[in-house]
Amino acid sequence: MMGAEAFCEEEYGMAGSGVGGTEDVAGGKARFDDIYDRPDPRAYFGRLAPLEYEIPHHAQPVFRQVAAERAALDDGRSDRPAVLDLCCSYGINAALLNHDVTLAEMYERYTSPACLTMSTAELAARDEVFYAERRRPDAVPVFGLDVSAPAVHYALDVGLLDAAFTDDLERRSPGPALSRALAEVGLITLTGGGSYITARTFTALLDGARRPVWVSAFVLRTVSYQPIVRTLAAHGLRTTLDASRTYPQRLFTDERERQFAIEAVRALGGDPAGHEEDGRFHSVRYESRPDAGGE
């Protein structure tokens, strides 16, 4: 993961005025860091709403299915395998995985006039009740990893995460707390961060794993996932790409970002027609499981 100046979610935030953000150091993709340093998720949802950020919505049924399949492997154990959500920010994927709530409802909740007048303490208290009332009976333990301490602490405080960590695995090894937690992890999920985290993060996580670990990832088409695929293979995981479809991620902030995405997709051998050319980032889905079928 990047340092605190560049938070994990793939391209979002609130740097500058208007919908757009600052230019990415790679040259073209907007970066919005500030919303991940806020004490609660209102700025996050307020900034992403006009960009129609939707990838957690697409990931929700996928992660539920994969988490259930992974848990079924451990039916004989008393403790369920935990999900580790990389670049988790305010626990959005955890909310959608374990609660009867939709991304649209979360947008409505956090951008409503009533919500905007609350203090962070008031919002957190209401969120704790809100999510507890909607907790699914098949909920699984979810750990969150993100360099943004305010974001993960909020998600932990309101009960979306069972544990939260801010270790920067791009720069250093897991600390003692994360190292202990990795022994419980059976599934790693990712819907943001593929532009910034590298194989170094996955090497650190898989080196510390004690259970068979699966990986379910949604990655922008502007990014090559192959270095991570090779790292996963070195740890005994076979990766498959769902070539049947792409998943809309968000609208572009401006024409410059659109051109950046079109050029990046073409450079990786993809075709932006009907996808990036039409005004949105698109992601593809990768699933990685042990060669022996997860045994």
C-alpha atoms as a PDB file:
ATOM      1  CA  MET A   1       0.000   0.000   0.000  1.00  0.00           C
ATOM      2  CA  MET A   2       1.060   3.551  -0.530  1.00  0.00           C
ATOM      3  CA  GLY A   3       1.862   5.878   2.304  1.00  0.00           C
ATOM      4  CA  ALA A   4      -0.625   8.126   4.030  1.00  0.00           C
ATOM      5  CA  GLU A   5      -0.387  10.670   1.235  1.00  0.00           C
ATOM      6  CA  ALA A   6      -1.921   8.225  -1.259  1.00  0.00           C
ATOM      7  CA  PHE A   7      -4.676   6.125   0.192  1.00  0.00           C
ATOM      8  CA  CYS A   8      -5.695   2.723  -1.041  1.00  0.00           C
ATOM      9  CA  GLU A   9      -8.981   3.110  -2.847  1.00  0.00           C
ATOM     10  CA  GLU A  10      -8.213   3.093  -6.485  1.00  0.00           C
ATOM     11  CA  GLU A  11      -8.874   6.609  -7.673  1.00  0.00           C
ATOM     12  CA  TYR A  12     -11.153   8.552  -5.422  1.00  0.00           C
ATOM     13  CA  GLY A  13     -11.229  11.401  -3.009  1.00  0.00           C
ATOM     14  CA  MET A  14     -11.734  15.099  -2.609  1.00  0.00           C
ATOM     15  CA  ALA A  15      -8.622  16.982  -3.599  1.00  0.00           C
ATOM     16  CA  GLY A  16      -9.464  20.338  -5.079  1.00  0.00           C
ATOM     17  CA  SER A  17     -12.829  21.770  -6.086  1.00  0.00           C
ATOM     18  CA  GLY A  18     -15.609  20.302  -8.181  1.00  0.00           C
ATOM     19  CA  VAL A  19     -15.933  16.645  -9.054  1.00  0.00           C
ATOM     20  CA  GLY A  20     -12.397  16.220 -10.306  1.00  0.00           C
ATOM     21  CA  GLY A  21      -9.306  15.615  -8.272  1.00  0.00           C
ATOM     22  CA  THR A  22      -5.585  16.073  -8.590  1.00  0.00           C
ATOM     23  CA  GLU A  23      -3.687  14.556 -11.486  1.00  0.00           C
ATOM     24  CA  ASP A  24      -2.211  11.136 -10.846  1.00  0.00           C
ATOM     25  CA  VAL A  25       1.575  11.077 -10.684  1.00  0.00           C
ATOM     26  CA  ALA A  26       1.475   8.409 -13.418  1.00  0.00           C
ATOM     27  CA  GLY A  27      -0.029  11.067 -15.681  1.00  0.00           C
ATOM     28  CA  GLY A  28      -3.729  11.256 -16.363  1.00  0.00           C
ATOM     29  CA  LYS A  29      -5.887   9.436 -13.807  1.00  0.00           C
ATOM     30  CA  ALA A  30      -7.438  11.650 -11.154  1.00  0.00           C
ATOM     31  CA  ARG A  31      -6.497  11.054  -7.534  1.00  0.00           C
ATOM     32  CA  PHE A  32      -8.688  12.027  -4.587  1.00  0.00           C
ATOM     33  CA  ASP A  33      -6.854  11.446  -1.358  1.00  0.00           C
ATOM     34  CA  ASP A  34      -8.558  13.753   1.120  1.00  0.00           C
ATOM     35  CA  ILE A  35     -11.805  11.858   1.627  1.00  0.00           C
ATOM     36  CA  TYR A  36      -9.896   8.964   3.187  1.00  0.00           C
ATOM     37  CA  ASP A  37      -8.508  11.185   5.928  1.00  0.00           C
ATOM     38  CA  ARG A  38     -11.929  12.283   7.183  1.00  0.00           C
ATOM     39  CA  PRO A  39     -13.339  10.961  10.470  1.00  0.00           C
ATOM     40  CA  ASP A  40     -16.449   9.496   8.793  1.00  0.00           C
ATOM     41  CA  PRO A  41     -17.583   8.456   5.281  1.00  0.00           C
ATOM     42  CA  ARG A  42     -19.780  11.413   4.354  1.00  0.00           C
ATOM     43  CA  ALA A  43     -17.166  13.121   2.149  1.00  0.00           C
ATOM     44  CA  TYR A  44     -16.420   9.752   0.527  1.00  0.00           C
ATOM     45  CA  PHE A  45     -20.012   9.228  -0.577  1.00  0.00           C
ATOM     46  CA  GLY A  46     -20.558  12.878  -1.387  1.00  0.00           C
ATOM     47  CA  ARG A  47     -17.629  12.932  -3.772  1.00  0.00           C
ATOM     48  CA  LEU A  48     -18.285   9.567  -5.388  1.00  0.00           C
ATOM     49  CA  ALA A  49     -22.016  10.087  -5.961  1.00  0.00           C
ATOM     50  CA  PRO A  50     -21.671  12.368  -9.012  1.00  0.00           C
ATOM     51  CA  LEU A  51     -19.030  10.006 -10.426  1.00  0.00           C
ATOM     52  CA  GLU A  52     -21.455   7.066 -10.081  1.00  0.00           C
ATOM     53  CA  TYR A  53     -18.829   4.893  -8.405  1.00  0.00           C
ATOM     54  CA  GLU A  54     -20.423   1.445  -8.445  1.00  0.00           C
ATOM     55  CA  ILE A  55     -17.871  -1.363  -8.246  1.00  0.00           C
ATOM     56  CA  PRO A  56     -18.796  -2.416  -4.666  1.00  0.00           C
ATOM     57  CA  HIS A  57     -22.345  -2.983  -5.934  1.00  0.00           C
ATOM     58  CA  HIS A  58     -21.066  -5.400  -8.566  1.00  0.00           C
ATOM     59  CA  ALA A  59     -18.755  -7.090  -6.087  1.00  0.00           C
ATOM     60  CA  GLN A  60     -21.445  -7.628  -3.444  1.00  0.00           C
ATOM     61  CA  PRO A  61     -23.009 -10.845  -4.841  1.00  0.00           C
ATOM     62  CA  VAL A  62     -19.625 -12.140  -5.993  1.00  0.00           C
ATOM     63  CA  PHE A  63     -17.982 -11.731  -2.598  1.00  0.00           C
ATOM     64  CA  ARG A  64     -20.974 -13.269  -0.829  1.00  0.00           C
ATOM     65  CA  GLN A  65     -20.789 -16.338  -3.026  1.00  0.00           C
ATOM     66  CA  VAL A  66     -17.016 -16.704  -2.833  1.00  0.00           C
ATOM     67  CA  ALA A  67     -16.983 -16.169   0.947  1.00  0.00           C
ATOM     68  CA  ALA A  68     -19.631 -18.888   1.362  1.00  0.00           C
ATOM     69  CA  GLU A  69     -17.672 -21.297  -0.836  1.00  0.00           C
ATOM     70  CA  ARG A  70     -14.464 -20.615   1.046  1.00  0.00           C
ATOM     71  CA  ALA A  71     -16.179 -21.048   4.432  1.00  0.00           C
ATOM     72  CA  ALA A  72     -17.572 -24.403   3.302  1.00  0.00           C
ATOM     73  CA  LEU A  73     -14.023 -25.751   3.111  1.00  0.00           C
ATOM     74  CA  ASP A  74     -13.654 -25.231   6.863  1.00  0.00           C
ATOM     75  CA  ASP A  75     -16.943 -26.811   7.941  1.00  0.00           C
ATOM     76  CA  GLY A  76     -15.076 -29.123  10.298  1.00  0.00           C
ATOM     77  CA  ARG A  77     -13.398 -26.260  12.138  1.00  0.00           C
ATOM     78  CA  SER A  78     -14.876 -24.344  15.029  1.00  0.00           C
ATOM     79  CA  ASP A  79     -13.569 -21.000  13.759  1.00  0.00           C
ATOM     80  CA  ARG A  80     -14.667 -19.582  10.431  1.00  0.00           C
ATOM     81  CA  PRO A  81     -12.089 -18.228   7.966  1.00  0.00           C
ATOM     82  CA  ALA A  82     -11.924 -14.457   7.949  1.00  0.00           C
ATOM     83  CA  VAL A  83     -12.156 -12.199   4.914  1.00  0.00           C
ATOM     84  CA  LEU A  84      -9.377  -9.628   4.564  1.00  0.00           C
ATOM     85  CA  ASP A  85     -10.563  -6.654   2.513  1.00  0.00           C
ATOM     86  CA  LEU A  86      -7.588  -4.813   1.025  1.00  0.00           C
ATOM     87  CA  CYS A  87      -7.830  -1.040   0.731  1.00  0.00           C
ATOM     88  CA  CYS A  88     -11.052  -1.234   2.702  1.00  0.00           C
ATOM     89  CA  SER A  89     -11.485   2.489   3.417  1.00  0.00           C
ATOM     90  CA  TYR A  90     -14.658   2.943   5.511  1.00  0.00           C
ATOM     91  CA  GLY A  91     -15.681  -0.716   5.337  1.00  0.00           C
ATOM     92  CA  ILE A  92     -17.922  -0.451   2.295  1.00  0.00           C
ATOM     93  CA  ASN A  93     -17.347  -4.018   1.126  1.00  0.00           C
ATOM     94  CA  ALA A  94     -17.790  -5.322   4.664  1.00  0.00           C
ATOM     95  CA  ALA A  95     -21.106  -3.479   4.932  1.00  0.00           C
ATOM     96  CA  LEU A  96     -22.338  -4.964   1.669  1.00  0.00           C
ATOM     97  CA  LEU A  97     -21.033  -8.450   2.389  1.00  0.00           C
ATOM     98  CA  ASN A  98     -22.492  -8.900   5.863  1.00  0.00           C
ATOM     99  CA  HIS A  99     -25.582  -6.682   5.930  1.00  0.00           C
ATOM    100  CA  ASP A 100     -28.897  -6.369   4.154  1.00  0.00           C
ATOM    101  CA  VAL A 101     -28.026  -3.049   2.571  1.00  0.00           C
ATOM    102  CA  THR A 102     -27.269  -1.858  -0.954  1.00  0.00           C
ATOM    103  CA  LEU A 103     -24.714   0.623  -2.214  1.00  0.00           C
ATOM    104  CA  ALA A 104     -27.558   2.860  -3.389  1.00  0.00           C
ATOM    105  CA  GLU A 105     -28.961   2.909   0.146  1.00  0.00           C
ATOM    106  CA  MET A 106     -25.555   3.826   1.508  1.00  0.00           C
ATOM    107  CA  TYR A 107     -25.277   6.732  -0.938  1.00  0.00           C
ATOM    108  CA  GLU A 108     -28.740   7.918   0.083  1.00  0.00           C
ATOM    109  CA  ARG A 109     -27.928   7.579   3.768  1.00  0.00           C
ATOM    110  CA  TYR A 110     -24.624   9.451   3.802  1.00  0.00           C
ATOM    111  CA  THR A 111     -25.653  12.267   1.456  1.00  0.00           C
ATOM    112  CA  SER A 112     -29.042  12.963   3.084  1.00  0.00           C
ATOM    113  CA  PRO A 113     -29.589  16.406   4.636  1.00  0.00           C
ATOM    114  CA  ALA A 114     -30.295  14.838   8.035  1.00  0.00           C
ATOM    115  CA  CYS A 115     -27.038  12.917   7.979  1.00  0.00           C
ATOM    116  CA  LEU A 116     -25.002  15.948   6.950  1.00  0.00           C
ATOM    117  CA  THR A 117     -26.042  17.888  10.070  1.00  0.00           C
ATOM    118  CA  MET A 118     -24.817  15.224  12.521  1.00  0.00           C
ATOM    119  CA  SER A 119     -21.535  15.193  14.333  1.00  0.00           C
ATOM    120  CA  THR A 120     -19.243  12.265  13.680  1.00  0.00           C
ATOM    121  CA  ALA A 121     -20.094  10.853  17.101  1.00  0.00           C
ATOM    122  CA  GLU A 122     -23.819  11.066  16.375  1.00  0.00           C
ATOM    123  CA  LEU A 123     -23.385   9.452  12.969  1.00  0.00           C
ATOM    124  CA  ALA A 124     -21.253   6.643  14.387  1.00  0.00           C
ATOM    125  CA  ALA A 125     -23.799   5.892  17.095  1.00  0.00           C
ATOM    126  CA  ARG A 126     -26.592   5.711  14.531  1.00  0.00           C
ATOM    127  CA  ASP A 127     -24.501   3.663  12.135  1.00  0.00           C
ATOM    128  CA  GLU A 128     -23.729   1.116  14.837  1.00  0.00           C
ATOM    129  CA  VAL A 129     -27.461   0.538  15.360  1.00  0.00           C
ATOM    130  CA  PHE A 130     -28.246   0.730  11.639  1.00  0.00           C
ATOM    131  CA  TYR A 131     -25.818  -2.022  10.672  1.00  0.00           C
ATOM    132  CA  ALA A 132     -26.502  -4.188  13.717  1.00  0.00           C
ATOM    133  CA  GLU A 133     -30.185  -4.296  12.776  1.00  0.00           C
ATOM    134  CA  ARG A 134     -29.283  -5.381   9.239  1.00  0.00           C
ATOM    135  CA  ARG A 135     -26.627  -7.963  10.107  1.00  0.00           C
ATOM    136  CA  ARG A 136     -27.074 -11.122   8.053  1.00  0.00           C
ATOM    137  CA  PRO A 137     -27.220 -14.515   9.790  1.00  0.00           C
ATOM    138  CA  ASP A 138     -24.485 -15.776   7.459  1.00  0.00           C
ATOM    139  CA  ALA A 139     -22.121 -12.917   8.293  1.00  0.00           C
ATOM    140  CA  VAL A 140     -18.424 -13.789   8.253  1.00  0.00           C
ATOM    141  CA  PRO A 141     -15.517 -12.182  10.117  1.00  0.00           C
ATOM    142  CA  VAL A 142     -14.059  -9.316   8.088  1.00  0.00           C
ATOM    143  CA  PHE A 143     -10.684  -7.688   8.670  1.00  0.00           C
ATOM    144  CA  GLY A 144      -9.831  -4.407   6.980  1.00  0.00           C
ATOM    145  CA  LEU A 145      -6.438  -3.238   5.750  1.00  0.00           C
ATOM    146  CA  ASP A 146      -5.908   0.357   4.645  1.00  0.00           C
ATOM    147  CA  VAL A 147      -3.273   2.992   5.382  1.00  0.00           C
ATOM    148  CA  SER A 148      -6.013   5.496   6.266  1.00  0.00           C
ATOM    149  CA  ALA A 149      -6.366   5.238  10.039  1.00  0.00           C
ATOM    150  CA  PRO A 150      -9.495   7.471  10.256  1.00  0.00           C
ATOM    151  CA  ALA A 151     -11.328   5.323   7.707  1.00  0.00           C
ATOM    152  CA  VAL A 152     -10.577   1.930   9.221  1.00  0.00           C
ATOM    153  CA  HIS A 153     -11.159   3.171  12.754  1.00  0.00           C
ATOM    154  CA  TYR A 154     -14.617   4.404  11.795  1.00  0.00           C
ATOM    155  CA  ALA A 155     -15.479   1.071  10.204  1.00  0.00           C
ATOM    156  CA  LEU A 156     -14.230  -0.724  13.314  1.00  0.00           C
ATOM    157  CA  ASP A 157     -16.116   1.590  15.688  1.00  0.00           C
ATOM    158  CA  VAL A 158     -19.488   1.034  13.999  1.00  0.00           C
ATOM    159  CA  GLY A 159     -19.063  -2.725  13.815  1.00  0.00           C
ATOM    160  CA  LEU A 160     -18.399  -3.226  10.119  1.00  0.00           C
ATOM    161  CA  LEU A 161     -14.923  -4.666  10.699  1.00  0.00           C
ATOM    162  CA  ASP A 162     -13.894  -7.276  13.245  1.00  0.00           C
ATOM    163  CA  ALA A 163     -10.308  -6.029  13.133  1.00  0.00           C
ATOM    164  CA  ALA A 164      -8.553  -3.181  11.316  1.00  0.00           C
ATOM    165  CA  PHE A 165      -4.948  -2.621  10.316  1.00  0.00           C
ATOM    166  CA  THR A 166      -2.993   0.243   8.752  1.00  0.00           C
ATOM    167  CA  ASP A 167       0.243  -1.620   7.940  1.00  0.00           C
ATOM    168  CA  ASP A 168       1.916  -0.319   4.768  1.00  0.00           C
ATOM    169  CA  LEU A 169       3.002  -3.593   3.198  1.00  0.00           C
ATOM    170  CA  GLU A 170       4.555  -1.850   0.219  1.00  0.00           C
ATOM    171  CA  ARG A 171       7.199  -0.504   2.594  1.00  0.00           C
ATOM    172  CA  ARG A 172       7.489  -2.876   5.503  1.00  0.00           C
ATOM    173  CA  SER A 173       6.555  -6.302   6.830  1.00  0.00           C
ATOM    174  CA  PRO A 174       3.283  -6.910   8.703  1.00  0.00           C
ATOM    175  CA  GLY A 175       3.325  -5.859  12.320  1.00  0.00           C
ATOM    176  CA  PRO A 176       2.600  -8.296  15.163  1.00  0.00           C
ATOM    177  CA  ALA A 177      -1.159  -7.694  15.213  1.00  0.00           C
ATOM    178  CA  LEU A 178      -1.617  -8.183  11.481  1.00  0.00           C
ATOM    179  CA  SER A 179       0.698 -11.197  11.539  1.00  0.00           C
ATOM    180  CA  ARG A 180      -1.515 -12.855  14.143  1.00  0.00           C
ATOM    181  CA  ALA A 181      -4.650 -12.000  12.188  1.00  0.00           C
ATOM    182  CA  LEU A 182      -3.310 -13.508   8.968  1.00  0.00           C
ATOM    183  CA  ALA A 183      -3.509 -16.943  10.562  1.00  0.00           C
ATOM    184  CA  GLU A 184      -7.320 -16.580  10.424  1.00  0.00           C
ATOM    185  CA  VAL A 185      -7.645 -15.282   6.860  1.00  0.00           C
ATOM    186  CA  GLY A 186      -9.120 -17.560   4.193  1.00  0.00           C
ATOM    187  CA  LEU A 187     -10.188 -15.002   1.574  1.00  0.00           C
ATOM    188  CA  ILE A 188      -8.648 -11.744   0.372  1.00  0.00           C
ATOM    189  CA  THR A 189     -10.908  -9.286  -1.473  1.00  0.00           C
ATOM    190  CA  LEU A 190     -10.039  -6.210  -3.514  1.00  0.00           C
ATOM    191  CA  THR A 191     -12.173  -3.627  -5.311  1.00  0.00           C
ATOM    192  CA  GLY A 192      -9.799  -0.689  -5.138  1.00  0.00           C
ATOM    193  CA  GLY A 193      -6.076  -0.244  -4.919  1.00  0.00           C
ATOM    194  CA  GLY A 194      -5.012  -2.285  -7.922  1.00  0.00           C
ATOM    195  CA  SER A 195      -3.348   0.839  -9.305  1.00  0.00           C
ATOM    196  CA  TYR A 196      -1.193   1.289  -6.212  1.00  0.00           C
ATOM    197  CA  ILE A 197      -0.562  -1.928  -4.334  1.00  0.00           C
ATOM    198  CA  THR A 198       1.814  -4.382  -5.932  1.00  0.00           C
ATOM    199  CA  ALA A 199       2.996  -7.954  -5.593  1.00  0.00           C
ATOM    200  CA  ARG A 200       4.909  -6.862  -2.482  1.00  0.00           C
ATOM    201  CA  THR A 201       1.682  -6.550  -0.542  1.00  0.00           C
ATOM    202  CA  PHE A 202       0.420  -9.950  -1.654  1.00  0.00           C
ATOM    203  CA  THR A 203       3.771 -11.580  -0.910  1.00  0.00           C
ATOM    204  CA  ALA A 204       3.652 -10.248   2.648  1.00  0.00           C
ATOM    205  CA  LEU A 205       0.087 -11.443   3.143  1.00  0.00           C
ATOM    206  CA  LEU A 206       0.528 -14.907   1.676  1.00  0.00           C
ATOM    207  CA  ASP A 207       3.826 -15.468   3.461  1.00  0.00           C
ATOM    208  CA  GLY A 208       1.937 -14.950   6.713  1.00  0.00           C
ATOM    209  CA  ALA A 209      -1.072 -17.094   5.844  1.00  0.00           C
ATOM    210  CA  ARG A 210      -1.778 -20.263   7.802  1.00  0.00           C
ATOM    211  CA  ARG A 211      -4.950 -21.405   6.009  1.00  0.00           C
ATOM    212  CA  PRO A 212      -5.584 -21.947   2.313  1.00  0.00           C
ATOM    213  CA  VAL A 213      -6.170 -18.432   0.992  1.00  0.00           C
ATOM    214  CA  TRP A 214      -8.340 -17.486  -1.969  1.00  0.00           C
ATOM    215  CA  VAL A 215      -8.214 -14.075  -3.678  1.00  0.00           C
ATOM    216  CA  SER A 216     -11.185 -12.351  -5.328  1.00  0.00           C
ATOM    217  CA  ALA A 217     -10.229  -9.107  -7.067  1.00  0.00           C
ATOM    218  CA  PHE A 218     -11.794  -6.477  -9.292  1.00  0.00           C
ATOM    219  CA  VAL A 219      -9.036  -4.636 -11.157  1.00  0.00           C
ATOM    220  CA  LEU A 220      -9.194  -1.709 -13.556  1.00  0.00           C
ATOM    221  CA  ARG A 221      -8.516  -2.542 -17.194  1.00  0.00           C
ATOM    222  CA  THR A 222      -5.912   0.237 -17.199  1.00  0.00           C
ATOM    223  CA  VAL A 223      -3.723  -1.820 -14.850  1.00  0.00           C
ATOM    224  CA  SER A 224      -1.771  -5.023 -15.451  1.00  0.00           C
ATOM    225  CA  TYR A 225      -2.562  -7.634 -12.797  1.00  0.00           C
ATOM    226  CA  GLN A 226       0.033 -10.047 -14.149  1.00  0.00           C
ATOM    227  CA  PRO A 227       2.829  -9.313 -11.641  1.00  0.00           C
ATOM    228  CA  ILE A 228       0.377 -10.167  -8.865  1.00  0.00           C
ATOM    229  CA  VAL A 229      -0.805 -13.255 -10.746  1.00  0.00           C
ATOM    230  CA  ARG A 230       2.803 -14.470 -10.870  1.00  0.00           C
ATOM    231  CA  THR A 231       3.214 -13.873  -7.153  1.00  0.00           C
ATOM    232  CA  LEU A 232       0.011 -15.752  -6.409  1.00  0.00           C
ATOM    233  CA  ALA A 233       1.225 -18.625  -8.599  1.00  0.00           C
ATOM    234  CA  ALA A 234       4.478 -18.741  -6.649  1.00  0.00           C
ATOM    235  CA  HIS A 235       2.330 -19.285  -3.544  1.00  0.00           C
ATOM    236  CA  GLY A 236       0.365 -22.121  -5.157  1.00  0.00           C
ATOM    237  CA  LEU A 237      -2.632 -20.152  -6.398  1.00  0.00           C
ATOM    238  CA  ARG A 238      -4.053 -20.482  -9.894  1.00  0.00           C
ATOM    239  CA  THR A 239      -5.754 -17.336 -11.220  1.00  0.00           C
ATOM    240  CA  THR A 240      -8.633 -17.245 -13.679  1.00  0.00           C
ATOM    241  CA  LEU A 241     -10.051 -14.212 -15.452  1.00  0.00           C
ATOM    242  CA  ASP A 242     -13.790 -13.835 -15.981  1.00  0.00           C
ATOM    243  CA  ALA A 243     -13.676 -12.930 -19.661  1.00  0.00           C
ATOM    244  CA  SER A 244     -17.456 -12.886 -20.026  1.00  0.00           C
ATOM    245  CA  ARG A 245     -17.925  -9.259 -19.006  1.00  0.00           C
ATOM    246  CA  THR A 246     -16.484  -6.087 -17.572  1.00  0.00           C
ATOM    247  CA  TYR A 247     -17.749  -4.160 -14.555  1.00  0.00           C
ATOM    248  CA  PRO A 248     -18.330  -0.385 -14.736  1.00  0.00           C
ATOM    249  CA  GLN A 249     -16.264   1.392 -12.091  1.00  0.00           C
ATOM    250  CA  ARG A 250     -17.034   5.102 -12.336  1.00  0.00           C
ATOM    251  CA  LEU A 251     -17.383   8.044 -14.691  1.00  0.00           C
ATOM    252  CA  PHE A 252     -14.290   9.900 -15.811  1.00  0.00           C
ATOM    253  CA  THR A 253     -13.690  13.268 -14.236  1.00  0.00           C
ATOM    254  CA  ASP A 254     -12.792  14.904 -17.541  1.00  0.00           C
ATOM    255  CA  GLU A 255     -11.671  14.278 -21.122  1.00  0.00           C
ATOM    256  CA  ARG A 256      -8.021  14.060 -20.136  1.00  0.00           C
ATOM    257  CA  GLU A 257      -8.757  11.178 -17.793  1.00  0.00           C
ATOM    258  CA  ARG A 258     -10.805   9.485 -20.508  1.00  0.00           C
ATOM    259  CA  GLN A 259      -7.897   9.695 -22.943  1.00  0.00           C
ATOM    260  CA  PHE A 260      -5.519   8.383 -20.284  1.00  0.00           C
ATOM    261  CA  ALA A 261      -7.738   5.334 -19.739  1.00  0.00           C
ATOM    262  CA  ILE A 262      -8.185   4.659 -23.462  1.00  0.00           C
ATOM    263  CA  GLU A 263      -4.432   4.763 -24.050  1.00  0.00           C
ATOM    264  CA  ALA A 264      -3.689   2.612 -20.996  1.00  0.00           C
ATOM    265  CA  VAL A 265      -6.177  -0.068 -22.047  1.00  0.00           C
ATOM    266  CA  ARG A 266      -4.775  -0.156 -25.566  1.00  0.00           C
ATOM    267  CA  ALA A 267      -1.215  -0.383 -24.225  1.00  0.00           C
ATOM    268  CA  LEU A 268      -2.233  -3.558 -22.381  1.00  0.00           C
ATOM    269  CA  GLY A 269      -3.772  -5.062 -25.516  1.00  0.00           C
ATOM    270  CA  GLY A 270      -7.390  -4.280 -24.662  1.00  0.00           C
ATOM    271  CA  ASP A 271     -10.117  -2.655 -26.709  1.00  0.00           C
ATOM    272  CA  PRO A 272     -11.679   0.469 -25.167  1.00  0.00           C
ATOM    273  CA  ALA A 273     -14.562   0.570 -27.662  1.00  0.00           C
ATOM    274  CA  GLY A 274     -17.891   0.352 -25.852  1.00  0.00           C
ATOM    275  CA  HIS A 275     -16.154   0.671 -22.510  1.00  0.00           C
ATOM    276  CA  GLU A 276     -13.640   3.404 -21.676  1.00  0.00           C
ATOM    277  CA  GLU A 277     -14.426   5.233 -24.900  1.00  0.00           C
ATOM    278  CA  ASP A 278     -17.984   5.626 -23.615  1.00  0.00           C
ATOM    279  CA  GLY A 279     -16.905   7.546 -20.533  1.00  0.00           C
ATOM    280  CA  ARG A 280     -16.254   5.131 -17.660  1.00  0.00           C
ATOM    281  CA  PHE A 281     -13.474   3.135 -16.110  1.00  0.00           C
ATOM    282  CA  HIS A 282     -14.170  -0.591 -16.313  1.00  0.00           C
ATOM    283  CA  SER A 283     -12.836  -3.416 -14.168  1.00  0.00           C
ATOM    284  CA  VAL A 284     -12.404  -7.121 -14.734  1.00  0.00           C
ATOM    285  CA  ARG A 285     -12.712  -9.915 -12.191  1.00  0.00           C
ATOM    286  CA  TYR A 286      -9.943 -12.307 -11.189  1.00  0.00           C
ATOM    287  CA  GLU A 287     -10.371 -15.356  -8.970  1.00  0.00           C
ATOM    288  CA  SER A 288      -7.350 -17.119  -7.451  1.00  0.00           C
ATOM    289  CA  ARG A 289      -7.555 -20.450  -5.660  1.00  0.00           C
ATOM    290  CA  PRO A 290      -5.089 -23.167  -4.671  1.00  0.00           C
ATOM    291  CA  ASP A 291      -4.079 -25.493  -7.490  1.00  0.00           C
ATOM    292  CA  ALA A 292      -5.355 -28.505  -5.571  1.00  0.00           C
ATOM    293  CA  GLY A 293      -8.890 -27.061  -5.461  1.00  0.00           C
ATOM    294  CA  GLY A 294      -8.525 -25.306  -2.127  1.00  0.00           C
ATOM    295  CA  GLU A 295      -7.561 -28.313  -0.065  1.00  0.00           C
END
